[in-house]
Amino acid sequence: MKNTIKNLGIIALVAFVTFSFSTIGGTKKAIKTDKSKVVWKGYKVTGSHEGTITIESGSLTFDGEKLIGGEFVIDMTTINATDLEGEYKGKLDGHLKSDDFFGVKAHPKASLVFTKVKASGKNAYEVTGDLTIKGKTNSATFSISVYGSKATATLKVDRTKYDVRYGSTSFFDGLKDKAIYDEFDLVVDLEF
């Protein structure tokens, strides 16, 4: 009887440890947020701006070496420009956080949840996921490459789908050289 209880305890412990580090159909690998980076780049008629934004948490899910899923939470309060300094940087950072753009007081988090992952080559995948910005969710498709414990991805995002309308010729006429293009890029370097 004692051996049976002892064996059940060991089985329960092994099961707990196993399920803590794996999901049904795969193993989750947490993103090292301090070693991962997201760079944004926005374009306007007269040039462009770029900056960074912080990943709050995230993971990639693997079946062996094959990527099968992923999910991320982005801290929108960290959005900032890296191509400006001083007063102009402060103005752009504040404007990006305002309701004209990402409204971070009301929407401090954005998220991405993979819904479909398809191998497109060696270490390369085409991913479709649900991207949520400002409380609005739309499907996004992008490529991701995985090498060892690192991954890189580039996403092109149409900001108008997330109610980010400021300076958009899709909503405002007569902007001329004040126009800001609807699409912006996210370049993501992950370490897990």
Protein backbone atom coordinates (compact mmCIF):
# COMPACT_ATOMS: atom_id res chain seq x y z
CA MET A 1 0.00 0.00 0.00
CA LYS A 2 2.81 2.41 0.92
CA ASN A 3 4.60 1.61 -2.34
CA THR A 4 1.43 2.24 -4.34
CA ILE A 5 0.93 5.66 -2.70
CA LYS A 6 4.62 6.46 -3.19
CA ASN A 7 4.46 5.45 -6.88
CA LEU A 8 1.30 7.54 -7.45
CA GLY A 9 3.06 10.52 -5.85
CA ILE A 10 6.06 10.13 -8.15
CA ILE A 11 3.80 9.79 -11.21
CA ALA A 12 1.88 12.92 -10.18
CA LEU A 13 5.14 14.86 -9.71
CA VAL A 14 6.51 13.78 -13.11
CA ALA A 15 3.19 14.66 -14.79
CA PHE A 16 3.14 18.09 -13.10
CA VAL A 17 6.69 18.90 -14.21
CA THR A 18 6.04 17.64 -17.74
CA PHE A 19 2.83 19.62 -18.20
CA SER A 20 4.38 22.74 -16.68
CA PHE A 21 6.83 22.93 -19.56
CA SER A 22 4.76 21.59 -22.44
CA THR A 23 1.40 22.09 -24.04
CA ILE A 24 -0.79 19.65 -25.87
CA GLY A 25 0.99 19.11 -29.16
CA GLY A 26 4.10 21.08 -28.28
CA THR A 27 6.58 22.68 -25.95
CA LYS A 28 6.35 26.38 -25.09
CA LYS A 29 9.60 28.31 -25.02
CA ALA A 30 9.41 31.64 -23.22
CA ILE A 31 10.80 34.71 -24.96
CA LYS A 32 13.73 36.38 -23.20
CA THR A 33 12.21 39.86 -23.22
CA ASP A 34 15.44 41.56 -22.16
CA LYS A 35 17.27 40.09 -25.18
CA SER A 36 14.47 40.49 -27.74
CA LYS A 37 13.69 43.62 -29.73
CA VAL A 38 10.85 45.11 -31.77
CA VAL A 39 11.66 47.98 -34.13
CA TRP A 40 8.85 49.95 -35.79
CA LYS A 41 9.23 52.08 -38.89
CA GLY A 42 6.55 54.50 -40.11
CA TYR A 43 6.55 56.33 -43.42
CA LYS A 44 5.31 59.74 -44.52
CA VAL A 45 5.48 61.68 -47.77
CA THR A 46 8.51 63.65 -46.56
CA GLY A 47 10.45 60.76 -44.96
CA SER A 48 10.15 58.24 -42.16
CA HIS A 49 10.60 57.70 -38.44
CA GLU A 50 11.61 54.63 -36.47
CA GLY A 51 11.82 53.47 -32.92
CA THR A 52 11.34 50.60 -30.52
CA ILE A 53 8.61 49.01 -28.47
CA THR A 54 8.97 46.44 -25.68
CA ILE A 55 7.71 42.87 -25.59
CA GLU A 56 6.10 42.39 -22.17
CA SER A 57 5.80 38.61 -22.47
CA GLY A 58 5.68 35.93 -25.11
CA SER A 59 6.40 32.40 -26.14
CA LEU A 60 6.90 30.24 -29.19
CA THR A 61 5.49 26.71 -29.27
CA PHE A 62 7.41 23.88 -30.91
CA ASP A 63 6.73 20.27 -31.82
CA GLY A 64 10.31 19.03 -31.65
CA GLU A 65 12.20 21.56 -33.78
CA LYS A 66 9.12 22.61 -35.77
CA LEU A 67 7.37 25.89 -34.90
CA ILE A 68 3.64 25.33 -34.35
CA GLY A 69 2.45 28.39 -32.40
CA GLY A 70 3.20 31.56 -30.53
CA GLU A 71 1.73 34.41 -28.54
CA PHE A 72 2.97 37.83 -27.46
CA VAL A 73 1.93 40.80 -25.36
CA ILE A 74 3.41 44.20 -26.26
CA ASP A 75 3.70 47.08 -23.79
CA MET A 76 2.38 49.99 -25.87
CA THR A 77 3.42 52.52 -23.19
CA THR A 78 7.05 51.92 -24.22
CA ILE A 79 6.67 53.04 -27.84
CA ASN A 80 9.31 55.62 -28.64
CA ALA A 81 11.28 57.13 -31.50
CA THR A 82 14.99 56.38 -31.80
CA ASP A 83 15.75 58.58 -34.81
CA LEU A 84 15.13 61.87 -32.98
CA GLU A 85 16.53 63.57 -29.88
CA GLY A 86 15.48 66.27 -27.45
CA GLU A 87 12.31 68.27 -27.95
CA TYR A 88 11.35 66.61 -31.27
CA LYS A 89 11.72 63.13 -29.80
CA GLY A 90 9.54 64.11 -26.83
CA LYS A 91 6.86 65.53 -29.13
CA LEU A 92 6.76 62.45 -31.38
CA ASP A 93 6.80 60.00 -28.43
CA GLY A 94 3.91 61.89 -26.83
CA HIS A 95 1.97 62.02 -30.10
CA LEU A 96 2.40 58.27 -30.72
CA LYS A 97 1.01 57.57 -27.22
CA SER A 98 -1.92 59.99 -27.68
CA ASP A 99 -5.39 59.15 -28.96
CA ASP A 100 -4.33 60.41 -32.42
CA PHE A 101 -2.26 57.24 -32.71
CA PHE A 102 -2.19 54.34 -30.21
CA GLY A 103 -4.12 55.79 -27.24
CA VAL A 104 -1.95 53.99 -24.69
CA LYS A 105 -3.85 55.24 -21.63
CA ALA A 106 -6.95 53.34 -22.72
CA HIS A 107 -5.06 50.60 -24.59
CA PRO A 108 -1.72 49.95 -22.85
CA LYS A 109 -1.30 46.46 -24.34
CA ALA A 110 -1.29 44.98 -27.83
CA SER A 111 -1.14 41.26 -28.57
CA LEU A 112 -0.42 38.74 -31.27
CA VAL A 113 -1.66 35.13 -31.14
CA PHE A 114 -0.63 32.71 -33.88
CA THR A 115 -3.62 30.91 -35.42
CA LYS A 116 -1.86 29.07 -38.27
CA VAL A 117 1.78 28.16 -38.89
CA LYS A 118 2.92 26.65 -42.19
CA ALA A 119 6.49 25.67 -43.05
CA SER A 120 7.69 27.61 -46.12
CA GLY A 121 11.29 26.41 -46.27
CA LYS A 122 14.16 25.29 -44.07
CA ASN A 123 13.78 27.19 -40.76
CA ALA A 124 11.15 29.46 -42.39
CA TYR A 125 7.42 29.68 -41.72
CA GLU A 126 4.41 31.61 -42.92
CA VAL A 127 2.34 32.61 -39.90
CA THR A 128 -1.20 33.91 -39.67
CA GLY A 129 -2.24 35.39 -36.38
CA ASP A 130 -4.73 37.60 -34.59
CA LEU A 131 -3.14 41.02 -34.02
CA THR A 132 -4.92 43.23 -31.49
CA ILE A 133 -4.14 46.96 -31.28
CA LYS A 134 -6.38 49.55 -29.58
CA GLY A 135 -8.87 46.80 -28.75
CA LYS A 136 -9.38 45.89 -32.42
CA THR A 137 -8.37 42.46 -33.71
CA ASN A 138 -7.48 41.68 -37.33
CA SER A 139 -5.74 38.84 -39.07
CA ALA A 140 -2.08 39.40 -39.97
CA THR A 141 0.14 37.18 -42.13
CA PHE A 142 3.93 37.35 -42.01
CA SER A 143 7.13 35.33 -42.35
CA ILE A 144 9.27 34.16 -39.45
CA SER A 145 12.65 32.42 -39.51
CA VAL A 146 13.91 30.31 -36.61
CA TYR A 147 17.59 29.49 -36.04
CA GLY A 148 18.50 27.66 -32.82
CA SER A 149 17.23 29.82 -29.95
CA LYS A 150 16.60 32.91 -32.10
CA ALA A 151 13.85 34.00 -34.47
CA THR A 152 13.28 36.98 -36.75
CA ALA A 153 10.06 38.25 -38.29
CA THR A 154 8.87 41.23 -40.30
CA LEU A 155 5.26 42.38 -40.23
CA LYS A 156 3.58 45.02 -42.36
CA VAL A 157 0.64 46.51 -40.46
CA ASP A 158 -2.17 48.64 -41.88
CA ARG A 159 -2.81 51.04 -39.00
CA THR A 160 -6.23 52.09 -40.29
CA LYS A 161 -7.60 48.63 -39.42
CA TYR A 162 -6.88 49.50 -35.78
CA ASP A 163 -8.50 52.95 -35.82
CA VAL A 164 -5.16 54.78 -36.10
CA ARG A 165 -6.27 57.43 -38.59
CA TYR A 166 -4.10 60.50 -37.96
CA GLY A 167 -2.63 61.84 -41.20
CA SER A 168 -4.14 59.04 -43.30
CA THR A 169 -5.20 59.88 -46.85
CA SER A 170 -7.73 57.06 -46.50
CA PHE A 171 -9.72 59.32 -44.16
CA PHE A 172 -8.57 62.90 -44.77
CA ASP A 173 -8.31 64.91 -48.00
CA GLY A 174 -5.83 67.69 -48.74
CA LEU A 175 -2.99 66.46 -46.52
CA LYS A 176 -0.40 66.86 -49.28
CA ASP A 177 3.10 66.60 -47.74
CA LYS A 178 1.61 66.08 -44.25
CA ALA A 179 0.29 62.64 -45.22
CA ILE A 180 1.44 59.58 -43.27
CA TYR A 181 1.23 56.25 -45.07
CA ASP A 182 -1.23 53.71 -43.69
CA GLU A 183 1.23 50.83 -43.45
CA PHE A 184 4.10 50.62 -41.01
CA ASP A 185 6.69 47.89 -40.48
CA LEU A 186 7.59 45.88 -37.41
CA VAL A 187 10.96 44.11 -37.43
CA VAL A 188 11.20 41.58 -34.61
CA ASP A 189 14.31 39.83 -33.25
CA LEU A 190 13.51 37.20 -30.64
CA GLU A 191 15.62 35.12 -28.31
CA PHE A 192 14.14 32.23 -26.33
